[in-house]
C-alpha atoms as a PDB file:
ATOM      1  CA  ASP A   1     102.491 111.977  94.569  1.00  0.00           C
ATOM      2  CA  GLU A   2     103.379 111.872  98.260  1.00  0.00           C
ATOM      3  CA  VAL A   3     104.335 115.543  98.629  1.00  0.00           C
ATOM      4  CA  GLU A   4     101.103 116.668  96.999  1.00  0.00           C
ATOM      5  CA  ILE A   5      99.041 114.590  99.426  1.00  0.00           C
ATOM      6  CA  GLN A   6     100.954 116.064 102.376  1.00  0.00           C
ATOM      7  CA  GLU A   7     100.258 119.571 101.079  1.00  0.00           C
ATOM      8  CA  ARG A   8      96.550 118.795 100.793  1.00  0.00           C
ATOM      9  CA  GLN A   9      96.578 117.360 104.308  1.00  0.00           C
ATOM     10  CA  GLY A  10      98.143 120.603 105.506  1.00  0.00           C
ATOM     11  CA  ASP A  11      95.416 122.612 103.774  1.00  0.00           C
ATOM     12  CA  PHE A  12      92.803 120.318 105.279  1.00  0.00           C
ATOM     13  CA  ILE A  13      94.187 120.767 108.805  1.00  0.00           C
ATOM     14  CA  ASN A  14      94.328 124.543 108.344  1.00  0.00           C
ATOM     15  CA  GLU A  15      90.698 124.536 107.234  1.00  0.00           C
ATOM     16  CA  ILE A  16      89.656 122.527 110.322  1.00  0.00           C
ATOM     17  CA  ARG A  17      91.617 124.932 112.553  1.00  0.00           C
ATOM     18  CA  LYS A  18      89.933 127.933 110.922  1.00  0.00           C
ATOM     19  CA  LEU A  19      86.494 126.416 111.464  1.00  0.00           C
ATOM     20  CA  ALA A  20      87.294 125.524 115.062  1.00  0.00           C
ATOM     21  CA  ALA A  21      88.709 128.998 115.718  1.00  0.00           C
ATOM     22  CA  SER A  22      85.490 130.566 114.444  1.00  0.00           C
ATOM     23  CA  GLY A  23      83.541 128.536 116.993  1.00  0.00           C
ATOM     24  CA  THR A  24      82.177 126.031 114.484  1.00  0.00           C
ATOM     25  CA  THR A  25      81.457 122.570 115.853  1.00  0.00           C
ATOM     26  CA  ILE A  26      83.412 120.088 113.762  1.00  0.00           C
ATOM     27  CA  THR A  27      81.166 117.118 112.995  1.00  0.00           C
ATOM     28  CA  PRO A  28      82.319 113.816 111.466  1.00  0.00           C
ATOM     29  CA  THR A  29      80.134 114.619 108.444  1.00  0.00           C
ATOM     30  CA  MET A  30      81.908 117.939 107.992  1.00  0.00           C
ATOM     31  CA  VAL A  31      85.284 116.224 108.239  1.00  0.00           C
ATOM     32  CA  GLU A  32      84.243 113.694 105.569  1.00  0.00           C
ATOM     33  CA  LYS A  33      83.118 116.477 103.246  1.00  0.00           C
ATOM     34  CA  LEU A  34      86.418 118.299 103.713  1.00  0.00           C
ATOM     35  CA  LEU A  35      88.392 115.096 103.098  1.00  0.00           C
ATOM     36  CA  GLU A  36      86.539 114.683  99.798  1.00  0.00           C
ATOM     37  CA  GLU A  37      86.997 118.348  98.966  1.00  0.00           C
ATOM     38  CA  PHE A  38      90.754 118.151  99.495  1.00  0.00           C
ATOM     39  CA  LYS A  39      90.867 114.717  97.816  1.00  0.00           C
ATOM     40  CA  ILE A  40      92.667 113.133 100.744  1.00  0.00           C
ATOM     41  CA  PRO A  41      92.691 109.328 100.673  1.00  0.00           C
ATOM     42  CA  PRO A  42      91.338 107.611 103.786  1.00  0.00           C
ATOM     43  CA  ALA A  43      93.993 106.654 106.339  1.00  0.00           C
ATOM     44  CA  ASP A  44      95.178 103.050 106.208  1.00  0.00           C
ATOM     45  CA  ASN A  45      94.898 102.409 109.940  1.00  0.00           C
END
């Protein structure tokens, strides 16, 4: 469901922002883990 995916993407972005705001270095590995956690499908591009 498209809306549900958008909501999860929003949650994902908020999580990244929170981590960045707390001074955490965002690594690609961390991003991958969060994508899995929020069950966001990989981008098509």
